[in-house]
Amino acid sequence: MSEVRQQNISKSTVPKIAILALAIVFAAGLFVVGFDQGHIFSVIQGVDAYEELYIHELTHDMRHAAGFPCH
């Protein structure tokens, strides 16, 4: 005799907290790549950060590839 076994596979949903965390990371990344002009490091460096633009220079090519004008 053959025995038939049925397996129930439940589809789990993505937790809402994971979606929220991903949205926060996306928004922070968008700010850093697209809009930061020394704002992040100005907390540490003060006014000099607006002249040095470390993050701007690190993400410069990515800005242009994403369509953000920067100069």
N, C-alpha and C. Protein backbone atom coordinates (compact mmCIF):
# COMPACT_ATOMS: atom_id res chain seq x y z
N MET A 1 0.82 -1.18 0.00
CA MET A 1 0.00 0.00 0.00
C MET A 1 0.86 1.24 0.00
N SER A 2 0.43 2.20 -0.74
CA SER A 2 1.16 3.46 -0.74
C SER A 2 0.51 4.44 0.21
N GLU A 3 1.34 5.16 0.86
CA GLU A 3 0.84 6.13 1.84
C GLU A 3 1.05 7.53 1.27
N VAL A 4 0.02 8.33 1.30
CA VAL A 4 0.09 9.69 0.79
C VAL A 4 0.27 10.64 1.96
N ARG A 5 1.32 11.45 1.87
CA ARG A 5 1.56 12.45 2.91
C ARG A 5 1.40 13.83 2.30
N GLN A 6 0.69 14.62 2.99
CA GLN A 6 0.45 15.98 2.51
C GLN A 6 1.29 16.94 3.36
N GLN A 7 2.00 17.83 2.66
CA GLN A 7 2.79 18.83 3.35
C GLN A 7 2.17 20.19 3.11
N ASN A 8 1.95 20.88 4.18
CA ASN A 8 1.43 22.24 4.09
C ASN A 8 2.60 23.21 4.21
N ILE A 9 2.80 24.00 3.20
CA ILE A 9 3.85 25.00 3.22
C ILE A 9 3.18 26.36 3.36
N SER A 10 3.47 26.99 4.46
CA SER A 10 2.85 28.31 4.68
C SER A 10 3.77 29.39 4.14
N LYS A 11 3.18 30.34 3.50
CA LYS A 11 3.95 31.47 2.99
C LYS A 11 4.00 32.53 4.07
N SER A 12 5.20 32.81 4.52
CA SER A 12 5.33 33.82 5.56
C SER A 12 5.45 35.19 4.91
N THR A 13 4.97 36.18 5.59
CA THR A 13 5.04 37.54 5.08
C THR A 13 6.25 38.24 5.68
N VAL A 14 6.65 39.29 5.03
CA VAL A 14 7.78 40.08 5.51
C VAL A 14 7.31 40.90 6.71
N PRO A 15 8.05 40.87 7.80
CA PRO A 15 7.65 41.65 8.97
C PRO A 15 7.63 43.15 8.67
N LYS A 16 6.69 43.84 9.22
CA LYS A 16 6.55 45.27 8.98
C LYS A 16 7.76 46.05 9.51
N ILE A 17 8.38 45.56 10.56
CA ILE A 17 9.56 46.23 11.11
C ILE A 17 10.73 46.16 10.12
N ALA A 18 10.82 45.06 9.35
CA ALA A 18 11.87 44.94 8.34
C ALA A 18 11.64 45.93 7.21
N ILE A 19 10.40 46.12 6.82
CA ILE A 19 10.09 47.09 5.78
C ILE A 19 10.40 48.50 6.26
N LEU A 20 10.07 48.80 7.50
CA LEU A 20 10.37 50.12 8.07
C LEU A 20 11.88 50.35 8.14
N ALA A 21 12.64 49.35 8.58
CA ALA A 21 14.09 49.48 8.65
C ALA A 21 14.69 49.71 7.28
N LEU A 22 14.21 48.98 6.28
CA LEU A 22 14.69 49.16 4.92
C LEU A 22 14.37 50.55 4.38
N ALA A 23 13.19 51.06 4.70
CA ALA A 23 12.81 52.40 4.26
C ALA A 23 13.70 53.46 4.91
N ILE A 24 14.05 53.28 6.17
CA ILE A 24 14.94 54.23 6.86
C ILE A 24 16.33 54.20 6.24
N VAL A 25 16.84 53.00 5.98
CA VAL A 25 18.16 52.88 5.35
C VAL A 25 18.15 53.51 3.96
N PHE A 26 17.08 53.29 3.19
CA PHE A 26 16.96 53.88 1.87
C PHE A 26 16.94 55.40 1.94
N ALA A 27 16.16 55.95 2.85
CA ALA A 27 16.07 57.41 2.98
C ALA A 27 17.41 58.02 3.40
N ALA A 28 18.10 57.36 4.32
CA ALA A 28 19.41 57.85 4.74
C ALA A 28 20.41 57.78 3.59
N GLY A 29 20.39 56.70 2.85
CA GLY A 29 21.29 56.56 1.69
C GLY A 29 20.99 57.58 0.62
N LEU A 30 19.72 57.85 0.38
CA LEU A 30 19.34 58.86 -0.61
C LEU A 30 19.82 60.24 -0.20
N PHE A 31 19.73 60.55 1.09
CA PHE A 31 20.23 61.83 1.57
C PHE A 31 21.74 61.94 1.39
N VAL A 32 22.45 60.87 1.78
CA VAL A 32 23.92 60.90 1.70
C VAL A 32 24.37 61.04 0.25
N VAL A 33 23.80 60.26 -0.64
CA VAL A 33 24.23 60.28 -2.04
C VAL A 33 23.74 61.53 -2.76
N GLY A 34 22.52 61.92 -2.52
CA GLY A 34 21.94 62.97 -3.33
C GLY A 34 21.99 64.37 -2.79
N PHE A 35 21.98 64.54 -1.50
CA PHE A 35 21.79 65.88 -0.97
C PHE A 35 22.85 66.38 0.00
N ASP A 36 23.70 65.50 0.49
CA ASP A 36 24.67 65.94 1.49
C ASP A 36 25.73 66.84 0.88
N GLN A 37 25.89 68.02 1.44
CA GLN A 37 26.90 68.98 1.02
C GLN A 37 27.74 69.38 2.22
N GLY A 38 28.07 68.41 3.06
CA GLY A 38 28.85 68.67 4.25
C GLY A 38 28.03 68.66 5.52
N HIS A 39 26.76 68.39 5.44
CA HIS A 39 25.88 68.43 6.60
C HIS A 39 26.23 67.38 7.64
N ILE A 40 26.57 66.18 7.20
CA ILE A 40 26.83 65.10 8.14
C ILE A 40 28.07 65.37 8.97
N PHE A 41 29.17 65.74 8.31
CA PHE A 41 30.41 66.00 9.03
C PHE A 41 30.45 67.36 9.70
N SER A 42 29.49 68.22 9.44
CA SER A 42 29.49 69.53 10.09
C SER A 42 29.26 69.42 11.59
N VAL A 43 28.67 68.32 12.02
CA VAL A 43 28.48 68.10 13.45
C VAL A 43 29.84 67.95 14.13
N ILE A 44 30.79 67.34 13.45
CA ILE A 44 32.12 67.09 14.00
C ILE A 44 33.09 68.21 13.64
N GLN A 45 33.13 68.59 12.37
CA GLN A 45 34.12 69.54 11.88
C GLN A 45 33.68 70.99 11.95
N GLY A 46 32.41 71.21 12.03
CA GLY A 46 31.92 72.59 12.02
C GLY A 46 31.83 73.12 10.60
N VAL A 47 32.11 74.39 10.43
CA VAL A 47 31.95 75.07 9.13
C VAL A 47 32.91 74.52 8.08
N ASP A 48 34.05 73.99 8.49
CA ASP A 48 35.03 73.44 7.53
C ASP A 48 34.46 72.30 6.70
N ALA A 49 33.49 71.59 7.22
CA ALA A 49 32.91 70.45 6.50
C ALA A 49 32.22 70.90 5.22
N TYR A 50 31.69 72.12 5.20
CA TYR A 50 31.01 72.61 4.01
C TYR A 50 31.99 72.95 2.88
N GLU A 51 33.26 73.11 3.22
CA GLU A 51 34.28 73.36 2.20
C GLU A 51 34.97 72.07 1.77
N GLU A 52 35.15 71.12 2.69
CA GLU A 52 35.87 69.89 2.38
C GLU A 52 35.02 68.91 1.57
N LEU A 53 33.75 68.75 1.90
CA LEU A 53 32.81 67.90 1.17
C LEU A 53 33.31 66.47 0.98
N TYR A 54 33.70 65.81 2.06
CA TYR A 54 34.24 64.46 1.96
C TYR A 54 33.25 63.47 1.36
N ILE A 55 32.03 63.44 1.85
CA ILE A 55 31.05 62.48 1.35
C ILE A 55 30.66 62.82 -0.08
N HIS A 56 30.58 64.10 -0.39
CA HIS A 56 30.26 64.52 -1.75
C HIS A 56 31.31 63.98 -2.72
N GLU A 57 32.56 64.09 -2.36
CA GLU A 57 33.63 63.62 -3.24
C GLU A 57 33.64 62.10 -3.35
N LEU A 58 33.31 61.40 -2.26
CA LEU A 58 33.26 59.93 -2.31
C LEU A 58 32.11 59.41 -3.16
N THR A 59 31.01 60.12 -3.18
CA THR A 59 29.83 59.67 -3.91
C THR A 59 29.59 60.47 -5.19
N HIS A 60 30.59 61.19 -5.64
CA HIS A 60 30.43 62.10 -6.78
C HIS A 60 29.93 61.39 -8.04
N ASP A 61 30.59 60.33 -8.45
CA ASP A 61 30.20 59.64 -9.67
C ASP A 61 28.84 58.96 -9.53
N MET A 62 28.56 58.48 -8.32
CA MET A 62 27.26 57.85 -8.09
C MET A 62 26.14 58.89 -8.20
N ARG A 63 26.41 60.11 -7.78
CA ARG A 63 25.42 61.19 -7.91
C ARG A 63 25.04 61.41 -9.37
N HIS A 64 26.05 61.51 -10.21
CA HIS A 64 25.78 61.75 -11.63
C HIS A 64 25.09 60.55 -12.27
N ALA A 65 25.47 59.34 -11.88
CA ALA A 65 24.83 58.15 -12.42
C ALA A 65 23.36 58.08 -12.00
N ALA A 66 23.04 58.60 -10.82
CA ALA A 66 21.67 58.59 -10.33
C ALA A 66 20.87 59.78 -10.84
N GLY A 67 21.53 60.72 -11.50
CA GLY A 67 20.82 61.87 -12.07
C GLY A 67 20.79 63.09 -11.18
N PHE A 68 21.59 63.13 -10.13
CA PHE A 68 21.64 64.32 -9.26
C PHE A 68 22.69 65.29 -9.79
N PRO A 69 22.30 66.50 -10.10
CA PRO A 69 23.31 67.49 -10.47
C PRO A 69 24.00 67.99 -9.20
N CYS A 70 25.28 68.26 -9.30
CA CYS A 70 25.96 68.73 -8.10
C CYS A 70 26.90 69.89 -8.36
N HIS A 71 27.07 70.31 -9.60
CA HIS A 71 27.87 71.50 -9.87
C HIS A 71 27.59 72.03 -11.24
